PDB file of all heavy atoms in Angstrom:
ATOM      1  N   ASN A   1     -19.531  63.692 -24.717  1.00  0.00           N
ATOM      2  CA  ASN A   1     -20.253  64.726 -23.950  1.00  0.00           C
ATOM      3  C   ASN A   1     -20.315  64.406 -22.456  1.00  0.00           C
ATOM      4  O   ASN A   1     -21.060  65.065 -21.719  1.00  0.00           O
ATOM      5  CB  ASN A   1     -21.671  64.884 -24.513  1.00  0.00           C
ATOM      6  CG  ASN A   1     -21.678  65.580 -25.861  1.00  0.00           C
ATOM      7  OD1 ASN A   1     -21.650  66.800 -25.942  1.00  0.00           O
ATOM      8  ND2 ASN A   1     -21.702  64.797 -26.934  1.00  0.00           N
ATOM      9  N   ASN A   2     -19.531  63.402 -22.034  1.00  0.00           N
ATOM     10  CA  ASN A   2     -19.436  63.038 -20.615  1.00  0.00           C
ATOM     11  C   ASN A   2     -20.802  62.766 -19.990  1.00  0.00           C
ATOM     12  O   ASN A   2     -21.095  63.214 -18.879  1.00  0.00           O
ATOM     13  CB  ASN A   2     -18.700  64.138 -19.821  1.00  0.00           C
ATOM     14  CG  ASN A   2     -17.271  64.328 -20.284  1.00  0.00           C
ATOM     15  OD1 ASN A   2     -16.532  63.352 -20.433  1.00  0.00           O
ATOM     16  ND2 ASN A   2     -16.886  65.573 -20.539  1.00  0.00           N
ATOM     17  N   ILE A   3     -21.631  62.036 -20.736  1.00  0.00           N
ATOM     18  CA  ILE A   3     -22.946  61.653 -20.234  1.00  0.00           C
ATOM     19  C   ILE A   3     -22.887  60.179 -19.847  1.00  0.00           C
ATOM     20  O   ILE A   3     -22.653  59.322 -20.688  1.00  0.00           O
ATOM     21  CB  ILE A   3     -24.041  61.888 -21.292  1.00  0.00           C
ATOM     22  CG1 ILE A   3     -24.082  63.361 -21.705  1.00  0.00           C
ATOM     23  CG2 ILE A   3     -25.399  61.436 -20.761  1.00  0.00           C
ATOM     24  CD1 ILE A   3     -24.996  63.634 -22.890  1.00  0.00           C
ATOM     25  N   ASP A   4     -23.064  59.911 -18.556  1.00  0.00           N
ATOM     26  CA  ASP A   4     -23.008  58.529 -18.073  1.00  0.00           C
ATOM     27  C   ASP A   4     -24.403  57.925 -18.125  1.00  0.00           C
ATOM     28  O   ASP A   4     -25.201  58.071 -17.209  1.00  0.00           O
ATOM     29  CB  ASP A   4     -22.464  58.501 -16.641  1.00  0.00           C
ATOM     30  CG  ASP A   4     -22.295  57.080 -16.105  1.00  0.00           C
ATOM     31  OD1 ASP A   4     -22.344  56.142 -16.923  1.00  0.00           O
ATOM     32  OD2 ASP A   4     -22.138  56.922 -14.873  1.00  0.00           O
ATOM     33  N   ALA A   5     -24.707  57.247 -19.232  1.00  0.00           N
ATOM     34  CA  ALA A   5     -26.009  56.600 -19.402  1.00  0.00           C
ATOM     35  C   ALA A   5     -25.778  55.193 -19.946  1.00  0.00           C
ATOM     36  O   ALA A   5     -24.829  54.948 -20.687  1.00  0.00           O
ATOM     37  CB  ALA A   5     -26.893  57.394 -20.358  1.00  0.00           C
ATOM     38  N   GLU A   6     -26.644  54.273 -19.579  1.00  0.00           N
ATOM     39  CA  GLU A   6     -26.512  52.878 -19.985  1.00  0.00           C
ATOM     40  C   GLU A   6     -27.213  52.639 -21.318  1.00  0.00           C
ATOM     41  O   GLU A   6     -28.358  53.048 -21.512  1.00  0.00           O
ATOM     42  CB  GLU A   6     -27.132  51.970 -18.916  1.00  0.00           C
ATOM     43  CG  GLU A   6     -27.075  50.493 -19.266  1.00  0.00           C
ATOM     44  CD  GLU A   6     -27.850  49.622 -18.289  1.00  0.00           C
ATOM     45  OE1 GLU A   6     -28.552  50.186 -17.417  1.00  0.00           O
ATOM     46  OE2 GLU A   6     -27.764  48.383 -18.415  1.00  0.00           O
ATOM     47  N   LEU A   7     -26.514  51.954 -22.237  1.00  0.00           N
ATOM     48  CA  LEU A   7     -27.124  51.555 -23.498  1.00  0.00           C
ATOM     49  C   LEU A   7     -27.682  50.141 -23.352  1.00  0.00           C
ATOM     50  O   LEU A   7     -26.956  49.221 -22.974  1.00  0.00           O
ATOM     51  CB  LEU A   7     -26.106  51.583 -24.634  1.00  0.00           C
ATOM     52  CG  LEU A   7     -25.660  52.951 -25.151  1.00  0.00           C
ATOM     53  CD1 LEU A   7     -24.746  52.775 -26.350  1.00  0.00           C
ATOM     54  CD2 LEU A   7     -26.847  53.823 -25.518  1.00  0.00           C
ATOM     55  N   ILE A   8     -28.962  49.982 -23.646  1.00  0.00           N
ATOM     56  CA  ILE A   8     -29.607  48.674 -23.606  1.00  0.00           C
ATOM     57  C   ILE A   8     -29.918  48.294 -25.051  1.00  0.00           C
ATOM     58  O   ILE A   8     -30.687  48.986 -25.727  1.00  0.00           O
ATOM     59  CB  ILE A   8     -30.889  48.696 -22.757  1.00  0.00           C
ATOM     60  CG1 ILE A   8     -30.574  49.180 -21.334  1.00  0.00           C
ATOM     61  CG2 ILE A   8     -31.544  47.318 -22.726  1.00  0.00           C
ATOM     62  CD1 ILE A   8     -31.797  49.338 -20.457  1.00  0.00           C
ATOM     63  N   THR A   9     -29.316  47.222 -25.540  1.00  0.00           N
ATOM     64  CA  THR A   9     -29.432  46.875 -26.959  1.00  0.00           C
ATOM     65  C   THR A   9     -30.414  45.743 -27.208  1.00  0.00           C
ATOM     66  O   THR A   9     -30.589  44.849 -26.371  1.00  0.00           O
ATOM     67  CB  THR A   9     -28.056  46.473 -27.530  1.00  0.00           C
ATOM     68  OG1 THR A   9     -27.577  45.318 -26.845  1.00  0.00           O
ATOM     69  CG2 THR A   9     -27.055  47.613 -27.374  1.00  0.00           C
ATOM     70  N   TYR A  10     -31.033  45.809 -28.390  1.00  0.00           N
ATOM     71  CA  TYR A  10     -31.993  44.785 -28.817  1.00  0.00           C
ATOM     72  C   TYR A  10     -31.695  44.410 -30.262  1.00  0.00           C
ATOM     73  O   TYR A  10     -31.248  45.241 -31.059  1.00  0.00           O
ATOM     74  CB  TYR A  10     -33.433  45.301 -28.693  1.00  0.00           C
ATOM     75  CG  TYR A  10     -33.834  45.566 -27.260  1.00  0.00           C
ATOM     76  CD1 TYR A  10     -33.599  46.815 -26.672  1.00  0.00           C
ATOM     77  CD2 TYR A  10     -34.422  44.570 -26.486  1.00  0.00           C
ATOM     78  CE1 TYR A  10     -33.956  47.057 -25.345  1.00  0.00           C
ATOM     79  CE2 TYR A  10     -34.779  44.805 -25.162  1.00  0.00           C
ATOM     80  CZ  TYR A  10     -34.538  46.043 -24.599  1.00  0.00           C
ATOM     81  OH  TYR A  10     -34.884  46.269 -23.288  1.00  0.00           O
ATOM     82  N   GLU A  11     -31.969  43.168 -30.619  1.00  0.00           N
ATOM     83  CA  GLU A  11     -31.660  42.661 -31.948  1.00  0.00           C
ATOM     84  C   GLU A  11     -32.543  43.299 -33.008  1.00  0.00           C
ATOM     85  O   GLU A  11     -32.088  43.602 -34.109  1.00  0.00           O
ATOM     86  CB  GLU A  11     -31.847  41.132 -31.970  1.00  0.00           C
ATOM     87  CG  GLU A  11     -31.668  40.490 -33.331  1.00  0.00           C
ATOM     88  CD  GLU A  11     -30.225  40.469 -33.812  1.00  0.00           C
ATOM     89  OE1 GLU A  11     -29.318  40.687 -32.986  1.00  0.00           O
ATOM     90  OE2 GLU A  11     -30.023  40.252 -35.013  1.00  0.00           O
ATOM     91  N   LYS A  12     -33.820  43.535 -32.690  1.00  0.00           N
ATOM     92  CA  LYS A  12     -34.775  44.044 -33.667  1.00  0.00           C
ATOM     93  C   LYS A  12     -35.241  45.449 -33.292  1.00  0.00           C
ATOM     94  O   LYS A  12     -35.343  45.786 -32.115  1.00  0.00           O
ATOM     95  CB  LYS A  12     -35.994  43.121 -33.770  1.00  0.00           C
ATOM     96  CG  LYS A  12     -35.672  41.706 -34.231  1.00  0.00           C
ATOM     97  CD  LYS A  12     -36.939  40.866 -34.299  1.00  0.00           C
ATOM     98  CE  LYS A  12     -36.646  39.445 -34.779  1.00  0.00           C
ATOM     99  NZ  LYS A  12     -37.876  38.624 -34.851  1.00  0.00           N
ATOM    100  N   ILE A  13     -35.537  46.227 -34.325  1.00  0.00           N
ATOM    101  CA  ILE A  13     -36.054  47.580 -34.096  1.00  0.00           C
ATOM    102  C   ILE A  13     -37.375  47.524 -33.337  1.00  0.00           C
ATOM    103  O   ILE A  13     -37.619  48.325 -32.420  1.00  0.00           O
ATOM    104  CB  ILE A  13     -36.233  48.321 -35.436  1.00  0.00           C
ATOM    105  CG1 ILE A  13     -34.871  48.605 -36.068  1.00  0.00           C
ATOM    106  CG2 ILE A  13     -37.008  49.608 -35.246  1.00  0.00           C
ATOM    107  CD1 ILE A  13     -34.045  49.632 -35.343  1.00  0.00           C
ATOM    108  N   ASP A  14     -38.250  46.571 -33.716  1.00  0.00           N
ATOM    109  CA  ASP A  14     -39.542  46.445 -33.029  1.00  0.00           C
ATOM    110  C   ASP A  14     -39.341  46.210 -31.532  1.00  0.00           C
ATOM    111  O   ASP A  14     -40.062  46.777 -30.710  1.00  0.00           O
ATOM    112  CB  ASP A  14     -40.343  45.280 -33.623  1.00  0.00           C
ATOM    113  CG  ASP A  14     -40.799  45.555 -35.049  1.00  0.00           C
ATOM    114  OD1 ASP A  14     -40.647  46.702 -35.500  1.00  0.00           O
ATOM    115  OD2 ASP A  14     -41.290  44.625 -35.704  1.00  0.00           O
ATOM    116  N   GLU A  15     -38.374  45.365 -31.186  1.00  0.00           N
ATOM    117  CA  GLU A  15     -38.083  45.086 -29.776  1.00  0.00           C
ATOM    118  C   GLU A  15     -37.539  46.332 -29.074  1.00  0.00           C
ATOM    119  O   GLU A  15     -37.839  46.578 -27.904  1.00  0.00           O
ATOM    120  CB  GLU A  15     -37.066  43.954 -29.668  1.00  0.00           C
ATOM    121  CG  GLU A  15     -37.569  42.614 -30.186  1.00  0.00           C
ATOM    122  CD  GLU A  15     -36.469  41.566 -30.239  1.00  0.00           C
ATOM    123  OE1 GLU A  15     -35.279  41.955 -30.100  1.00  0.00           O
ATOM    124  OE2 GLU A  15     -36.791  40.381 -30.413  1.00  0.00           O
ATOM    125  N   THR A  16     -36.751  47.114 -29.797  1.00  0.00           N
ATOM    126  CA  THR A  16     -36.176  48.339 -29.227  1.00  0.00           C
ATOM    127  C   THR A  16     -37.275  49.316 -28.823  1.00  0.00           C
ATOM    128  O   THR A  16     -37.280  49.844 -27.699  1.00  0.00           O
ATOM    129  CB  THR A  16     -35.229  49.005 -30.254  1.00  0.00           C
ATOM    130  OG1 THR A  16     -34.236  48.067 -30.657  1.00  0.00           O
ATOM    131  CG2 THR A  16     -34.550  50.224 -29.648  1.00  0.00           C
ATOM    132  N   TYR A  17     -38.216  49.539 -29.729  1.00  0.00           N
ATOM    133  CA  TYR A  17     -39.305  50.467 -29.416  1.00  0.00           C
ATOM    134  C   TYR A  17     -40.255  49.891 -28.369  1.00  0.00           C
ATOM    135  O   TYR A  17     -40.762  50.628 -27.507  1.00  0.00           O
ATOM    136  CB  TYR A  17     -40.070  50.836 -30.687  1.00  0.00           C
ATOM    137  CG  TYR A  17     -39.363  51.873 -31.517  1.00  0.00           C
ATOM    138  CD1 TYR A  17     -38.708  51.520 -32.701  1.00  0.00           C
ATOM    139  CD2 TYR A  17     -39.334  53.212 -31.137  1.00  0.00           C
ATOM    140  CE1 TYR A  17     -38.043  52.473 -33.465  1.00  0.00           C
ATOM    141  CE2 TYR A  17     -38.671  54.164 -31.893  1.00  0.00           C
ATOM    142  CZ  TYR A  17     -38.036  53.786 -33.054  1.00  0.00           C
ATOM    143  OH  TYR A  17     -37.373  54.730 -33.803  1.00  0.00           O
ATOM    144  N   ALA A  18     -40.498  48.590 -28.428  1.00  0.00           N
ATOM    145  CA  ALA A  18     -41.372  47.963 -27.430  1.00  0.00           C
ATOM    146  C   ALA A  18     -40.801  48.143 -26.030  1.00  0.00           C
ATOM    147  O   ALA A  18     -41.541  48.422 -25.074  1.00  0.00           O
ATOM    148  CB  ALA A  18     -41.552  46.478 -27.744  1.00  0.00           C
ATOM    149  N   ALA A  19     -39.488  48.009 -25.899  1.00  0.00           N
ATOM    150  CA  ALA A  19     -38.845  48.191 -24.593  1.00  0.00           C
ATOM    151  C   ALA A  19     -38.956  49.640 -24.132  1.00  0.00           C
ATOM    152  O   ALA A  19     -39.214  49.914 -22.951  1.00  0.00           O
ATOM    153  CB  ALA A  19     -37.381  47.772 -24.676  1.00  0.00           C
ATOM    154  N   TYR A  20     -38.779  50.560 -25.068  1.00  0.00           N
ATOM    155  CA  TYR A  20     -38.913  51.980 -24.725  1.00  0.00           C
ATOM    156  C   TYR A  20     -40.340  52.319 -24.301  1.00  0.00           C
ATOM    157  O   TYR A  20     -40.565  52.965 -23.272  1.00  0.00           O
ATOM    158  CB  TYR A  20     -38.503  52.832 -25.925  1.00  0.00           C
ATOM    159  CG  TYR A  20     -38.937  54.277 -25.831  1.00  0.00           C
ATOM    160  CD1 TYR A  20     -38.399  55.128 -24.873  1.00  0.00           C
ATOM    161  CD2 TYR A  20     -39.910  54.781 -26.703  1.00  0.00           C
ATOM    162  CE1 TYR A  20     -38.809  56.460 -24.782  1.00  0.00           C
ATOM    163  CE2 TYR A  20     -40.324  56.097 -26.628  1.00  0.00           C
ATOM    164  CZ  TYR A  20     -39.774  56.927 -25.663  1.00  0.00           C
ATOM    165  OH  TYR A  20     -40.195  58.227 -25.576  1.00  0.00           O
ATOM    166  N   TYR A  21     -41.340  51.849 -25.068  1.00  0.00           N
ATOM    167  CA  TYR A  21     -42.735  52.115 -24.718  1.00  0.00           C
ATOM    168  C   TYR A  21     -43.093  51.504 -23.358  1.00  0.00           C
ATOM    169  O   TYR A  21     -43.914  52.065 -22.616  1.00  0.00           O
ATOM    170  CB  TYR A  21     -43.680  51.541 -25.781  1.00  0.00           C
ATOM    171  CG  TYR A  21     -43.590  52.206 -27.140  1.00  0.00           C
ATOM    172  CD1 TYR A  21     -43.736  51.454 -28.317  1.00  0.00           C
ATOM    173  CD2 TYR A  21     -43.372  53.572 -27.261  1.00  0.00           C
ATOM    174  CE1 TYR A  21     -43.659  52.047 -29.563  1.00  0.00           C
ATOM    175  CE2 TYR A  21     -43.287  54.173 -28.509  1.00  0.00           C
ATOM    176  CZ  TYR A  21     -43.429  53.413 -29.656  1.00  0.00           C
ATOM    177  OH  TYR A  21     -43.349  54.008 -30.886  1.00  0.00           O
ATOM    178  N   ALA A  22     -42.476  50.363 -23.045  1.00  0.00           N
ATOM    179  CA  ALA A  22     -42.771  49.677 -21.779  1.00  0.00           C
ATOM    180  C   ALA A  22     -42.045  50.304 -20.597  1.00  0.00           C
ATOM    181  O   ALA A  22     -42.234  49.869 -19.455  1.00  0.00           O
ATOM    182  CB  ALA A  22     -42.402  48.205 -21.895  1.00  0.00           C
ATOM    183  N   GLY A  23     -41.205  51.301 -20.860  1.00  0.00           N
ATOM    184  CA  GLY A  23     -40.517  51.983 -19.763  1.00  0.00           C
ATOM    185  C   GLY A  23     -39.262  51.281 -19.280  1.00  0.00           C
ATOM    186  O   GLY A  23     -38.745  51.609 -18.210  1.00  0.00           O
ATOM    187  N   ARG A  24     -38.738  50.335 -20.090  1.00  0.00           N
ATOM    188  CA  ARG A  24     -37.518  49.647 -19.661  1.00  0.00           C
ATOM    189  C   ARG A  24     -36.269  50.488 -19.882  1.00  0.00           C
ATOM    190  O   ARG A  24     -35.172  50.125 -19.471  1.00  0.00           O
ATOM    191  CB  ARG A  24     -37.394  48.299 -20.391  1.00  0.00           C
ATOM    192  CG  ARG A  24     -38.420  47.278 -19.906  1.00  0.00           C
ATOM    193  CD  ARG A  24     -38.043  45.857 -20.306  1.00  0.00           C
ATOM    194  NE  ARG A  24     -38.253  45.596 -21.719  1.00  0.00           N
ATOM    195  CZ  ARG A  24     -39.416  45.204 -22.236  1.00  0.00           C
ATOM    196  NH1 ARG A  24     -40.477  45.049 -21.451  1.00  0.00           N
ATOM    197  NH2 ARG A  24     -39.525  44.966 -23.528  1.00  0.00           N
ATOM    198  N   CYS A  25     -36.432  51.626 -20.550  1.00  0.00           N
ATOM    199  CA  CYS A  25     -35.344  52.591 -20.672  1.00  0.00           C
ATOM    200  C   CYS A  25     -35.954  53.986 -20.720  1.00  0.00           C
ATOM    201  O   CYS A  25     -37.139  54.161 -21.030  1.00  0.00           O
ATOM    202  CB  CYS A  25     -34.490  52.312 -21.909  1.00  0.00           C
ATOM    203  SG  CYS A  25     -35.425  51.917 -23.376  1.00  0.00           S
ATOM    204  N   ASP A  26     -35.137  54.975 -20.408  1.00  0.00           N
ATOM    205  CA  ASP A  26     -35.638  56.347 -20.316  1.00  0.00           C
ATOM    206  C   ASP A  26     -35.764  57.020 -21.681  1.00  0.00           C
ATOM    207  O   ASP A  26     -36.537  57.964 -21.837  1.00  0.00           O
ATOM    208  CB  ASP A  26     -34.701  57.179 -19.428  1.00  0.00           C
ATOM    209  CG  ASP A  26     -34.593  56.613 -18.024  1.00  0.00           C
ATOM    210  OD1 ASP A  26     -35.643  56.447 -17.383  1.00  0.00           O
ATOM    211  OD2 ASP A  26     -33.460  56.312 -17.591  1.00  0.00           O
ATOM    212  N   ALA A  27     -34.974  56.556 -22.621  1.00  0.00           N
ATOM    213  CA  ALA A  27     -34.961  57.177 -23.954  1.00  0.00           C
ATOM    214  C   ALA A  27     -34.709  56.112 -25.003  1.00  0.00           C
ATOM    215  O   ALA A  27     -34.308  54.986 -24.694  1.00  0.00           O
ATOM    216  CB  ALA A  27     -33.869  58.250 -24.016  1.00  0.00           C
ATOM    217  N   VAL A  28     -34.960  56.483 -26.249  1.00  0.00           N
ATOM    218  CA  VAL A  28     -34.622  55.610 -27.370  1.00  0.00           C
ATOM    219  C   VAL A  28     -33.783  56.432 -28.334  1.00  0.00           C
ATOM    220  O   VAL A  28     -34.045  57.621 -28.561  1.00  0.00           O
ATOM    221  CB  VAL A  28     -35.887  55.050 -28.068  1.00  0.00           C
ATOM    222  CG1 VAL A  28     -36.767  56.180 -28.601  1.00  0.00           C
ATOM    223  CG2 VAL A  28     -35.517  54.083 -29.171  1.00  0.00           C
ATOM    224  N   SER A  29     -32.742  55.819 -28.855  1.00  0.00           N
ATOM    225  CA  SER A  29     -31.862  56.470 -29.820  1.00  0.00           C
ATOM    226  C   SER A  29     -32.067  55.810 -31.168  1.00  0.00           C
ATOM    227  O   SER A  29     -32.017  54.586 -31.282  1.00  0.00           O
ATOM    228  CB  SER A  29     -30.400  56.332 -29.380  1.00  0.00           C
ATOM    229  OG  SER A  29     -29.539  56.844 -30.373  1.00  0.00           O
ATOM    230  N   GLU A  30     -32.280  56.628 -32.186  1.00  0.00           N
ATOM    231  CA  GLU A  30     -32.540  56.052 -33.513  1.00  0.00           C
ATOM    232  C   GLU A  30     -32.299  57.105 -34.583  1.00  0.00           C
ATOM    233  O   GLU A  30     -32.228  58.300 -34.312  1.00  0.00           O
ATOM    234  CB  GLU A  30     -33.993  55.537 -33.573  1.00  0.00           C
ATOM    235  CG  GLU A  30     -34.391  54.834 -34.850  1.00  0.00           C
ATOM    236  CD  GLU A  30     -33.424  53.736 -35.238  1.00  0.00           C
ATOM    237  OE1 GLU A  30     -33.536  52.627 -34.696  1.00  0.00           O
ATOM    238  OE2 GLU A  30     -32.536  54.030 -36.067  1.00  0.00           O
ATOM    239  N   TRP A  31     -32.174  56.617 -35.780  1.00  0.00           N
ATOM    240  CA  TRP A  31     -32.043  57.476 -36.947  1.00  0.00           C
ATOM    241  C   TRP A  31     -33.311  58.320 -37.078  1.00  0.00           C
ATOM    242  O   TRP A  31     -34.431  57.798 -37.027  1.00  0.00           O
ATOM    243  CB  TRP A  31     -31.827  56.562 -38.138  1.00  0.00           C
ATOM    244  CG  TRP A  31     -31.419  57.223 -39.393  1.00  0.00           C
ATOM    245  CD1 TRP A  31     -30.405  58.115 -39.587  1.00  0.00           C
ATOM    246  CD2 TRP A  31     -32.014  57.012 -40.666  1.00  0.00           C
ATOM    247  NE1 TRP A  31     -30.330  58.470 -40.898  1.00  0.00           N
ATOM    248  CE2 TRP A  31     -31.303  57.813 -41.579  1.00  0.00           C
ATOM    249  CE3 TRP A  31     -33.063  56.223 -41.111  1.00  0.00           C
ATOM    250  CZ2 TRP A  31     -31.620  57.850 -42.929  1.00  0.00           C
ATOM    251  CZ3 TRP A  31     -33.372  56.245 -42.452  1.00  0.00           C
ATOM    252  CH2 TRP A  31     -32.665  57.060 -43.351  1.00  0.00           C
ATOM    253  N   GLY A  32     -33.138  59.628 -37.227  1.00  0.00           N
ATOM    254  CA  GLY A  32     -34.230  60.584 -37.128  1.00  0.00           C
ATOM    255  C   GLY A  32     -35.485  60.306 -37.931  1.00  0.00           C
ATOM    256  O   GLY A  32     -36.597  60.328 -37.388  1.00  0.00           O
ATOM    257  N   PRO A  33     -35.382  60.029 -39.243  1.00  0.00           N
ATOM    258  CA  PRO A  33     -36.602  59.768 -40.029  1.00  0.00           C
ATOM    259  C   PRO A  33     -37.390  58.578 -39.507  1.00  0.00           C
ATOM    260  O   PRO A  33     -38.620  58.619 -39.424  1.00  0.00           O
ATOM    261  CB  PRO A  33     -36.051  59.504 -41.428  1.00  0.00           C
ATOM    262  CG  PRO A  33     -34.760  60.245 -41.472  1.00  0.00           C
ATOM    263  CD  PRO A  33     -34.186  60.106 -40.099  1.00  0.00           C
ATOM    264  N   SER A  34     -36.688  57.509 -39.166  1.00  0.00           N
ATOM    265  CA  SER A  34     -37.370  56.335 -38.620  1.00  0.00           C
ATOM    266  C   SER A  34     -37.959  56.641 -37.247  1.00  0.00           C
ATOM    267  O   SER A  34     -39.063  56.198 -36.916  1.00  0.00           O
ATOM    268  CB  SER A  34     -36.394  55.161 -38.514  1.00  0.00           C
ATOM    269  OG  SER A  34     -36.990  54.073 -37.843  1.00  0.00           O
ATOM    270  N   LEU A  35     -37.233  57.402 -36.449  1.00  0.00           N
ATOM    271  CA  LEU A  35     -37.705  57.775 -35.118  1.00  0.00           C
ATOM    272  C   LEU A  35     -39.014  58.553 -35.209  1.00  0.00           C
ATOM    273  O   LEU A  35     -40.007  58.227 -34.541  1.00  0.00           O
ATOM    274  CB  LEU A  35     -36.633  58.619 -34.423  1.00  0.00           C
ATOM    275  CG  LEU A  35     -36.844  58.997 -32.957  1.00  0.00           C
ATOM    276  CD1 LEU A  35     -36.878  57.760 -32.080  1.00  0.00           C
ATOM    277  CD2 LEU A  35     -35.732  59.937 -32.494  1.00  0.00           C
TER     278      LEU A  35
END
């Protein structure tokens, strides 16, 4: 879709959401039910 956005990866799901809540990324990508 020609979207130039940076993916920031984390080993654990908990760390992924913690980073998103802390504002270290603009969005979080995840499987819908878990999201």
